[in-house]
Structure formats: C-alpha cells, structure tokens
Amino acid sequence: MIRIGQGFDAHAFREGGELVLGGVRIPHTHSLAAHSDGDVALHALCDALLGAAALGDLGHHFPDTDPKYAGISSRALLSSVQAMLLEAGFEVLNVDVTLIAQRPKLAPHVPAMRANIAAELAIPPARVSVKATTTEHLGFTGREEGIAALAVALVREGEA
C-alpha cells in the first residue's frame, strides 16, 4: 500500500547562533528560535514521514518540554524517524520539501540539503526534492521574521 503524509513547520528568527536548514549550516546573521537546532526543513519532513505512517507527530515523539532534546540536531531526529518507519514496516519512496524564506538565499545550499536528507533516509538523492521560494515580501517570512517549510512524503507499507 502506498501512503502519503504532509508536514509543516515555522520558526521565528533570533539574533546570533547558527542557521541550519536541511542539515546544512548556512551563513546568516540570525538563527531560528527553537528547542532543537530549529531546522524547519527537517522538522516538516519528519512530520510528513510520521504522518504517512500514521505514527503521530514530531512533538509527540520528541517533546520540546524534554531537556534531553535541547539543542538536538534535526538530522538525529530524522534518523530516529527513519528507524521508526522501518520498524513499522515502511519504506520511503520519495520526499519533497519547500522552504519559504525571503532571506537568506537558499538555492546554493539545496544540493547539500538533498544529499543530507538522502543519507539519513538511505534513499538516492534523485528521490529527494528540496525547493526554496519567497513570498515576495508578504507575511512573516516576507518581512524576514522567520522561515517556514512544507513537506510531503510518499511511503510504501509492507516493504522493508
């Protein structure tokens, strides 16, 4: 059986720190305020994968009230989600992530993001899509107050 899941995440900017998206450190004046590393791309993707397998959501498995997840790498979260999927009998077929940010420009970092996601999910990079867009200065992302991400994931049940 083929199943699809969707995910969304958004975080506000904060001064200083490191901006991490798709597991890539991106030079910028701000980072994303979060309990973990704030990687909205991987958070949205984790939710899409968990949703496709009907395994709950990221906050259920990794609550932001638990100190052991403070500052955790979202690549580690994605790796854990992949393990949950495999244990439940799901295989990831493909994923698609859209980042929404006015700045910084993300296109130069997309190949590295795709490679990181493919590595964590143990699938070829050709089955990973990452895109970046702006909102033409509309909304919180357009005002450069934060970044949002959308993700979809297609999984197959019963194949591992």
N, C-alpha and C. Protein backbone atom coordinates (compact mmCIF):
# COMPACT_ATOMS: atom_id res chain seq x y z
N MET A 1 0.85 -1.18 0.00
CA MET A 1 0.00 0.00 0.00
C MET A 1 0.90 1.24 0.00
N ILE A 2 0.55 2.20 -0.83
CA ILE A 2 1.25 3.48 -0.91
C ILE A 2 0.51 4.49 -0.02
N ARG A 3 1.29 5.25 0.77
CA ARG A 3 0.69 6.25 1.66
C ARG A 3 1.45 7.56 1.53
N ILE A 4 0.74 8.66 1.74
CA ILE A 4 1.35 9.98 1.65
C ILE A 4 1.15 10.73 2.97
N GLY A 5 2.12 11.56 3.31
CA GLY A 5 2.00 12.39 4.50
C GLY A 5 2.46 13.80 4.18
N GLN A 6 1.97 14.74 4.96
CA GLN A 6 2.39 16.13 4.76
C GLN A 6 2.88 16.69 6.09
N GLY A 7 3.76 17.68 6.00
CA GLY A 7 4.27 18.31 7.21
C GLY A 7 4.48 19.79 7.00
N PHE A 8 4.43 20.53 8.09
CA PHE A 8 4.65 21.98 8.06
C PHE A 8 5.39 22.36 9.33
N ASP A 9 6.28 23.35 9.20
CA ASP A 9 6.91 23.91 10.39
C ASP A 9 7.31 25.35 10.09
N ALA A 10 7.39 26.15 11.13
CA ALA A 10 7.82 27.55 11.01
C ALA A 10 8.47 27.94 12.32
N HIS A 11 9.52 28.74 12.22
CA HIS A 11 10.20 29.27 13.40
C HIS A 11 10.57 30.72 13.14
N ALA A 12 10.55 31.49 14.21
CA ALA A 12 10.96 32.89 14.14
C ALA A 12 12.49 32.98 14.19
N PHE A 13 13.01 34.05 13.60
CA PHE A 13 14.44 34.33 13.70
C PHE A 13 14.78 34.84 15.08
N ARG A 14 16.01 34.58 15.50
CA ARG A 14 16.59 35.21 16.68
C ARG A 14 18.01 35.61 16.31
N GLU A 15 18.52 36.62 16.97
CA GLU A 15 19.87 37.10 16.67
C GLU A 15 20.90 36.07 17.09
N GLY A 16 21.96 35.98 16.30
CA GLY A 16 23.07 35.10 16.62
C GLY A 16 22.77 33.64 16.39
N GLY A 17 23.67 32.80 16.83
CA GLY A 17 23.51 31.36 16.65
C GLY A 17 23.82 30.94 15.22
N GLU A 18 23.50 29.69 14.92
CA GLU A 18 23.74 29.14 13.59
C GLU A 18 22.42 28.79 12.92
N LEU A 19 22.28 29.20 11.67
CA LEU A 19 21.10 28.83 10.89
C LEU A 19 21.37 27.48 10.24
N VAL A 20 20.49 26.51 10.53
CA VAL A 20 20.62 25.17 9.98
C VAL A 20 19.33 24.83 9.25
N LEU A 21 19.46 24.46 7.98
CA LEU A 21 18.31 24.06 7.16
C LEU A 21 18.71 22.84 6.34
N GLY A 22 17.89 21.81 6.40
CA GLY A 22 18.22 20.59 5.67
C GLY A 22 19.52 19.98 6.13
N GLY A 23 19.88 20.25 7.40
CA GLY A 23 21.12 19.74 7.94
C GLY A 23 22.36 20.49 7.50
N VAL A 24 22.17 21.63 6.83
CA VAL A 24 23.28 22.44 6.31
C VAL A 24 23.38 23.73 7.12
N ARG A 25 24.59 24.04 7.57
CA ARG A 25 24.83 25.32 8.25
C ARG A 25 24.96 26.40 7.19
N ILE A 26 24.09 27.42 7.31
CA ILE A 26 24.00 28.47 6.29
C ILE A 26 24.42 29.79 6.91
N PRO A 27 25.40 30.47 6.31
CA PRO A 27 25.83 31.76 6.86
C PRO A 27 24.67 32.76 6.85
N HIS A 28 24.40 33.33 8.02
CA HIS A 28 23.33 34.32 8.15
C HIS A 28 23.51 35.04 9.48
N THR A 29 22.90 36.19 9.61
CA THR A 29 23.00 36.98 10.83
C THR A 29 22.12 36.44 11.94
N HIS A 30 21.16 35.58 11.60
CA HIS A 30 20.19 35.06 12.56
C HIS A 30 20.14 33.54 12.51
N SER A 31 19.63 32.97 13.59
CA SER A 31 19.31 31.54 13.62
C SER A 31 17.81 31.44 13.87
N LEU A 32 17.30 30.24 13.96
CA LEU A 32 15.87 30.05 14.22
C LEU A 32 15.65 29.67 15.67
N ALA A 33 14.74 30.37 16.32
CA ALA A 33 14.43 30.12 17.72
C ALA A 33 13.71 28.78 17.85
N ALA A 34 14.28 27.88 18.65
CA ALA A 34 13.68 26.55 18.80
C ALA A 34 14.34 25.83 19.96
N HIS A 35 13.70 24.76 20.42
CA HIS A 35 14.25 23.90 21.46
C HIS A 35 15.41 23.07 20.89
N SER A 36 15.27 22.64 19.62
CA SER A 36 16.31 21.88 18.94
C SER A 36 17.17 22.86 18.15
N ASP A 37 17.76 22.39 17.05
CA ASP A 37 18.53 23.30 16.19
C ASP A 37 17.64 24.17 15.31
N GLY A 38 16.32 23.94 15.35
CA GLY A 38 15.37 24.79 14.63
C GLY A 38 15.28 24.54 13.14
N ASP A 39 15.75 23.40 12.66
CA ASP A 39 15.77 23.10 11.23
C ASP A 39 14.35 22.83 10.72
N VAL A 40 13.67 23.88 10.25
CA VAL A 40 12.28 23.75 9.82
C VAL A 40 12.11 22.77 8.67
N ALA A 41 13.11 22.66 7.80
CA ALA A 41 13.02 21.73 6.67
C ALA A 41 12.91 20.30 7.18
N LEU A 42 13.79 19.92 8.09
CA LEU A 42 13.77 18.55 8.59
C LEU A 42 12.61 18.31 9.54
N HIS A 43 12.18 19.35 10.27
CA HIS A 43 11.01 19.18 11.14
C HIS A 43 9.76 18.90 10.30
N ALA A 44 9.56 19.67 9.24
CA ALA A 44 8.41 19.45 8.36
C ALA A 44 8.49 18.06 7.72
N LEU A 45 9.70 17.67 7.32
CA LEU A 45 9.87 16.36 6.70
C LEU A 45 9.58 15.23 7.69
N CYS A 46 10.07 15.36 8.92
CA CYS A 46 9.76 14.35 9.94
C CYS A 46 8.26 14.20 10.13
N ASP A 47 7.55 15.32 10.20
CA ASP A 47 6.10 15.26 10.36
C ASP A 47 5.42 14.61 9.16
N ALA A 48 5.92 14.89 7.95
CA ALA A 48 5.36 14.26 6.75
C ALA A 48 5.55 12.75 6.79
N LEU A 49 6.74 12.32 7.17
CA LEU A 49 7.03 10.88 7.23
C LEU A 49 6.19 10.20 8.32
N LEU A 50 6.15 10.82 9.50
CA LEU A 50 5.35 10.25 10.58
C LEU A 50 3.87 10.21 10.20
N GLY A 51 3.41 11.25 9.54
CA GLY A 51 2.02 11.30 9.11
C GLY A 51 1.68 10.22 8.10
N ALA A 52 2.59 9.99 7.15
CA ALA A 52 2.36 8.96 6.13
C ALA A 52 2.19 7.59 6.78
N ALA A 53 2.94 7.36 7.86
CA ALA A 53 2.86 6.07 8.54
C ALA A 53 1.86 6.07 9.70
N ALA A 54 1.15 7.18 9.90
CA ALA A 54 0.19 7.34 11.00
C ALA A 54 0.84 7.03 12.35
N LEU A 55 2.05 7.60 12.54
CA LEU A 55 2.81 7.38 13.77
C LEU A 55 2.85 8.61 14.67
N GLY A 56 1.90 9.51 14.50
CA GLY A 56 1.86 10.70 15.35
C GLY A 56 2.64 11.85 14.71
N ASP A 57 3.19 12.72 15.56
CA ASP A 57 3.93 13.86 15.03
C ASP A 57 5.23 14.05 15.80
N LEU A 58 6.03 14.96 15.34
CA LEU A 58 7.35 15.20 15.90
C LEU A 58 7.28 15.56 17.38
N GLY A 59 6.34 16.44 17.74
CA GLY A 59 6.21 16.87 19.13
C GLY A 59 5.81 15.73 20.07
N HIS A 60 5.10 14.75 19.55
CA HIS A 60 4.72 13.59 20.36
C HIS A 60 5.95 12.75 20.71
N HIS A 61 6.80 12.52 19.73
CA HIS A 61 7.97 11.66 19.93
C HIS A 61 9.15 12.39 20.57
N PHE A 62 9.27 13.70 20.30
CA PHE A 62 10.41 14.49 20.78
C PHE A 62 9.90 15.80 21.37
N PRO A 63 9.23 15.77 22.52
CA PRO A 63 8.60 16.98 23.06
C PRO A 63 9.62 18.06 23.41
N ASP A 64 9.24 19.30 23.13
CA ASP A 64 10.13 20.42 23.42
C ASP A 64 10.17 20.76 24.91
N THR A 65 9.44 19.99 25.69
CA THR A 65 9.49 20.15 27.15
C THR A 65 10.51 19.21 27.78
N ASP A 66 11.11 18.33 26.97
CA ASP A 66 12.08 17.36 27.48
C ASP A 66 13.49 17.91 27.29
N PRO A 67 14.21 18.14 28.38
CA PRO A 67 15.55 18.73 28.29
C PRO A 67 16.54 17.89 27.47
N LYS A 68 16.31 16.59 27.32
CA LYS A 68 17.27 15.78 26.57
C LYS A 68 17.27 16.12 25.08
N TYR A 69 16.24 16.84 24.61
CA TYR A 69 16.20 17.23 23.21
C TYR A 69 16.67 18.68 22.99
N ALA A 70 17.08 19.35 24.04
CA ALA A 70 17.54 20.74 23.91
C ALA A 70 18.77 20.79 23.00
N GLY A 71 18.67 21.56 21.93
CA GLY A 71 19.78 21.73 21.00
C GLY A 71 20.06 20.55 20.10
N ILE A 72 19.22 19.52 20.12
CA ILE A 72 19.47 18.32 19.33
C ILE A 72 19.50 18.64 17.83
N SER A 73 20.35 17.94 17.13
CA SER A 73 20.42 18.06 15.67
C SER A 73 19.16 17.46 15.06
N SER A 74 18.57 18.17 14.13
CA SER A 74 17.38 17.65 13.46
C SER A 74 17.73 16.49 12.54
N ARG A 75 18.98 16.36 12.15
CA ARG A 75 19.40 15.17 11.41
C ARG A 75 19.25 13.94 12.30
N ALA A 76 19.55 14.08 13.57
CA ALA A 76 19.37 12.97 14.51
C ALA A 76 17.88 12.63 14.65
N LEU A 77 17.04 13.66 14.67
CA LEU A 77 15.59 13.43 14.73
C LEU A 77 15.13 12.68 13.48
N LEU A 78 15.60 13.11 12.30
CA LEU A 78 15.21 12.46 11.06
C LEU A 78 15.68 11.01 11.04
N SER A 79 16.88 10.77 11.53
CA SER A 79 17.39 9.40 11.61
C SER A 79 16.51 8.54 12.51
N SER A 80 16.08 9.10 13.62
CA SER A 80 15.18 8.36 14.53
C SER A 80 13.83 8.09 13.89
N VAL A 81 13.31 9.07 13.16
CA VAL A 81 12.04 8.89 12.46
C VAL A 81 12.18 7.80 11.41
N GLN A 82 13.28 7.80 10.68
CA GLN A 82 13.52 6.75 9.68
C GLN A 82 13.54 5.37 10.35
N ALA A 83 14.16 5.27 11.51
CA ALA A 83 14.19 3.99 12.23
C ALA A 83 12.78 3.57 12.64
N MET A 84 11.96 4.53 13.08
CA MET A 84 10.56 4.22 13.45
C MET A 84 9.79 3.68 12.25
N LEU A 85 10.01 4.33 11.09
CA LEU A 85 9.31 3.87 9.88
C LEU A 85 9.72 2.45 9.52
N LEU A 86 11.01 2.18 9.53
CA LEU A 86 11.49 0.84 9.19
C LEU A 86 10.93 -0.20 10.16
N GLU A 87 10.93 0.14 11.44
CA GLU A 87 10.39 -0.78 12.46
C GLU A 87 8.90 -1.06 12.23
N ALA A 88 8.18 -0.06 11.74
CA ALA A 88 6.74 -0.22 11.49
C ALA A 88 6.47 -0.83 10.11
N GLY A 89 7.53 -1.12 9.35
CA GLY A 89 7.35 -1.78 8.06
C GLY A 89 7.14 -0.85 6.88
N PHE A 90 7.67 0.38 6.96
CA PHE A 90 7.51 1.34 5.87
C PHE A 90 8.83 1.62 5.18
N GLU A 91 8.75 1.81 3.88
CA GLU A 91 9.90 2.20 3.06
C GLU A 91 9.61 3.58 2.47
N VAL A 92 10.56 4.49 2.56
CA VAL A 92 10.40 5.83 1.98
C VAL A 92 10.62 5.73 0.47
N LEU A 93 9.64 6.20 -0.30
CA LEU A 93 9.76 6.20 -1.76
C LEU A 93 10.34 7.52 -2.26
N ASN A 94 9.76 8.63 -1.84
CA ASN A 94 10.32 9.93 -2.19
C ASN A 94 9.80 10.99 -1.25
N VAL A 95 10.53 12.11 -1.19
CA VAL A 95 10.14 13.23 -0.34
C VAL A 95 10.33 14.53 -1.12
N ASP A 96 9.56 15.53 -0.74
CA ASP A 96 9.62 16.84 -1.39
C ASP A 96 9.46 17.91 -0.30
N VAL A 97 10.44 18.80 -0.20
CA VAL A 97 10.45 19.85 0.83
C VAL A 97 10.49 21.21 0.14
N THR A 98 9.66 22.14 0.61
CA THR A 98 9.69 23.52 0.12
C THR A 98 10.00 24.43 1.30
N LEU A 99 11.06 25.21 1.16
CA LEU A 99 11.44 26.21 2.16
C LEU A 99 10.92 27.56 1.73
N ILE A 100 10.37 28.32 2.67
CA ILE A 100 9.80 29.63 2.38
C ILE A 100 10.57 30.66 3.20
N ALA A 101 11.39 31.46 2.52
CA ALA A 101 12.23 32.45 3.19
C ALA A 101 12.54 33.59 2.24
N GLN A 102 12.45 34.80 2.73
CA GLN A 102 12.86 35.95 1.93
C GLN A 102 14.38 35.99 1.83
N ARG A 103 15.01 35.78 3.00
CA ARG A 103 16.46 35.70 3.08
C ARG A 103 16.83 34.71 4.15
N PRO A 104 17.96 34.10 4.08
CA PRO A 104 19.00 34.22 3.06
C PRO A 104 18.61 33.46 1.80
N LYS A 105 19.35 33.68 0.74
CA LYS A 105 19.13 32.94 -0.49
C LYS A 105 19.55 31.49 -0.24
N LEU A 106 18.66 30.57 -0.54
CA LEU A 106 18.89 29.17 -0.19
C LEU A 106 19.29 28.28 -1.36
N ALA A 107 19.05 28.71 -2.58
CA ALA A 107 19.32 27.87 -3.75
C ALA A 107 20.73 27.28 -3.77
N PRO A 108 21.77 28.04 -3.41
CA PRO A 108 23.12 27.45 -3.45
C PRO A 108 23.31 26.28 -2.47
N HIS A 109 22.45 26.17 -1.48
CA HIS A 109 22.58 25.14 -0.45
C HIS A 109 21.71 23.91 -0.71
N VAL A 110 20.85 23.98 -1.72
CA VAL A 110 19.91 22.89 -1.99
C VAL A 110 20.61 21.56 -2.27
N PRO A 111 21.66 21.50 -3.09
CA PRO A 111 22.29 20.18 -3.31
C PRO A 111 22.79 19.52 -2.02
N ALA A 112 23.37 20.29 -1.12
CA ALA A 112 23.85 19.72 0.14
C ALA A 112 22.67 19.26 1.01
N MET A 113 21.56 20.01 0.99
CA MET A 113 20.37 19.59 1.74
C MET A 113 19.85 18.27 1.20
N ARG A 114 19.77 18.17 -0.11
CA ARG A 114 19.28 16.92 -0.73
C ARG A 114 20.16 15.75 -0.34
N ALA A 115 21.47 15.96 -0.37
CA ALA A 115 22.41 14.90 -0.02
C ALA A 115 22.24 14.48 1.44
N ASN A 116 22.08 15.43 2.35
CA ASN A 116 21.89 15.11 3.77
C ASN A 116 20.62 14.31 3.99
N ILE A 117 19.54 14.74 3.39
CA ILE A 117 18.25 14.05 3.56
C ILE A 117 18.34 12.64 2.98
N ALA A 118 18.91 12.52 1.80
CA ALA A 118 19.05 11.20 1.17
C ALA A 118 19.88 10.27 2.06
N ALA A 119 20.95 10.79 2.64
CA ALA A 119 21.80 9.97 3.50
C ALA A 119 21.04 9.49 4.73
N GLU A 120 20.28 10.38 5.38
CA GLU A 120 19.54 9.99 6.59
C GLU A 120 18.43 9.00 6.29
N LEU A 121 17.82 9.11 5.10
CA LEU A 121 16.72 8.22 4.75
C LEU A 121 17.17 6.99 3.98
N ALA A 122 18.47 6.91 3.66
CA ALA A 122 19.03 5.79 2.91
C ALA A 122 18.31 5.58 1.58
N ILE A 123 18.08 6.70 0.88
CA ILE A 123 17.50 6.66 -0.46
C ILE A 123 18.38 7.48 -1.39
N PRO A 124 18.30 7.25 -2.70
CA PRO A 124 19.11 8.03 -3.63
C PRO A 124 18.68 9.50 -3.64
N PRO A 125 19.64 10.42 -3.82
CA PRO A 125 19.31 11.85 -3.89
C PRO A 125 18.26 12.17 -4.96
N ALA A 126 18.16 11.35 -5.98
CA ALA A 126 17.17 11.58 -7.04
C ALA A 126 15.74 11.44 -6.52
N ARG A 127 15.57 10.84 -5.35
CA ARG A 127 14.24 10.68 -4.74
C ARG A 127 13.97 11.73 -3.67
N VAL A 128 14.83 12.76 -3.63
CA VAL A 128 14.69 13.85 -2.66
C VAL A 128 14.62 15.17 -3.42
N SER A 129 13.55 15.91 -3.21
CA SER A 129 13.41 17.24 -3.81
C SER A 129 13.43 18.28 -2.69
N VAL A 130 14.22 19.32 -2.89
CA VAL A 130 14.22 20.47 -1.99
C VAL A 130 14.14 21.71 -2.86
N LYS A 131 13.19 22.57 -2.54
CA LYS A 131 13.00 23.81 -3.29
C LYS A 131 12.96 24.96 -2.31
N ALA A 132 13.31 26.14 -2.79
CA ALA A 132 13.24 27.35 -1.96
C ALA A 132 12.45 28.41 -2.72
N THR A 133 11.63 29.14 -1.98
CA THR A 133 10.84 30.21 -2.58
C THR A 133 10.71 31.35 -1.59
N THR A 134 10.21 32.47 -2.08
CA THR A 134 9.92 33.62 -1.22
C THR A 134 8.42 33.87 -1.26
N THR A 135 7.98 34.80 -0.45
CA THR A 135 6.58 35.23 -0.51
C THR A 135 6.48 36.66 -1.04
N GLU A 136 7.54 37.07 -1.75
CA GLU A 136 7.56 38.42 -2.34
C GLU A 136 7.25 39.49 -1.30
N HIS A 137 7.91 39.36 -0.14
CA HIS A 137 7.83 40.32 0.96
C HIS A 137 6.48 40.32 1.70
N LEU A 138 5.65 39.30 1.49
CA LEU A 138 4.37 39.19 2.19
C LEU A 138 4.51 38.29 3.41
N GLY A 139 3.77 38.59 4.47
CA GLY A 139 3.73 37.75 5.65
C GLY A 139 5.01 37.76 6.46
N PHE A 140 5.07 36.88 7.49
CA PHE A 140 6.21 36.90 8.40
C PHE A 140 7.50 36.49 7.70
N THR A 141 7.42 35.57 6.73
CA THR A 141 8.65 35.20 6.02
C THR A 141 9.10 36.34 5.12
N GLY A 142 8.15 37.01 4.50
CA GLY A 142 8.48 38.14 3.63
C GLY A 142 9.05 39.32 4.38
N ARG A 143 8.65 39.48 5.64
CA ARG A 143 9.20 40.55 6.48
C ARG A 143 10.51 40.13 7.13
N GLU A 144 10.99 38.94 6.78
CA GLU A 144 12.24 38.38 7.31
C GLU A 144 12.19 38.20 8.82
N GLU A 145 11.04 37.74 9.31
CA GLU A 145 10.87 37.46 10.73
C GLU A 145 11.11 35.98 11.05
N GLY A 146 11.17 35.15 10.02
CA GLY A 146 11.38 33.73 10.23
C GLY A 146 11.35 32.98 8.92
N ILE A 147 11.34 31.65 9.04
CA ILE A 147 11.34 30.75 7.88
C ILE A 147 10.28 29.68 8.12
N ALA A 148 9.63 29.26 7.05
CA ALA A 148 8.65 28.17 7.11
C ALA A 148 9.05 27.08 6.12
N ALA A 149 8.50 25.90 6.32
CA ALA A 149 8.76 24.79 5.41
C ALA A 149 7.52 23.90 5.31
N LEU A 150 7.33 23.37 4.12
CA LEU A 150 6.28 22.40 3.83
C LEU A 150 6.97 21.14 3.32
N ALA A 151 6.41 19.98 3.61
CA ALA A 151 6.99 18.74 3.10
C ALA A 151 5.90 17.72 2.82
N VAL A 152 6.15 16.89 1.84
CA VAL A 152 5.32 15.72 1.58
C VAL A 152 6.23 14.51 1.46
N ALA A 153 5.71 13.37 1.84
CA ALA A 153 6.48 12.13 1.77
C ALA A 153 5.58 11.01 1.26
N LEU A 154 6.13 10.21 0.40
CA LEU A 154 5.43 9.04 -0.12
C LEU A 154 6.15 7.81 0.43
N VAL A 155 5.40 6.93 1.06
CA VAL A 155 5.99 5.72 1.64
C VAL A 155 5.20 4.50 1.16
N ARG A 156 5.87 3.34 1.24
CA ARG A 156 5.21 2.08 0.89
C ARG A 156 5.16 1.24 2.15
N GLU A 157 3.99 0.73 2.45
CA GLU A 157 3.81 -0.14 3.61
C GLU A 157 4.03 -1.58 3.20
N GLY A 158 4.67 -2.33 4.10
CA GLY A 158 4.83 -3.76 3.85
C GLY A 158 6.09 -4.11 3.09
N GLU A 159 6.91 -3.13 2.76
CA GLU A 159 8.17 -3.39 2.07
C GLU A 159 9.28 -2.84 2.96
N ALA A 160 10.24 -3.62 3.26
CA ALA A 160 11.37 -3.11 4.06
C ALA A 160 12.66 -3.74 3.62
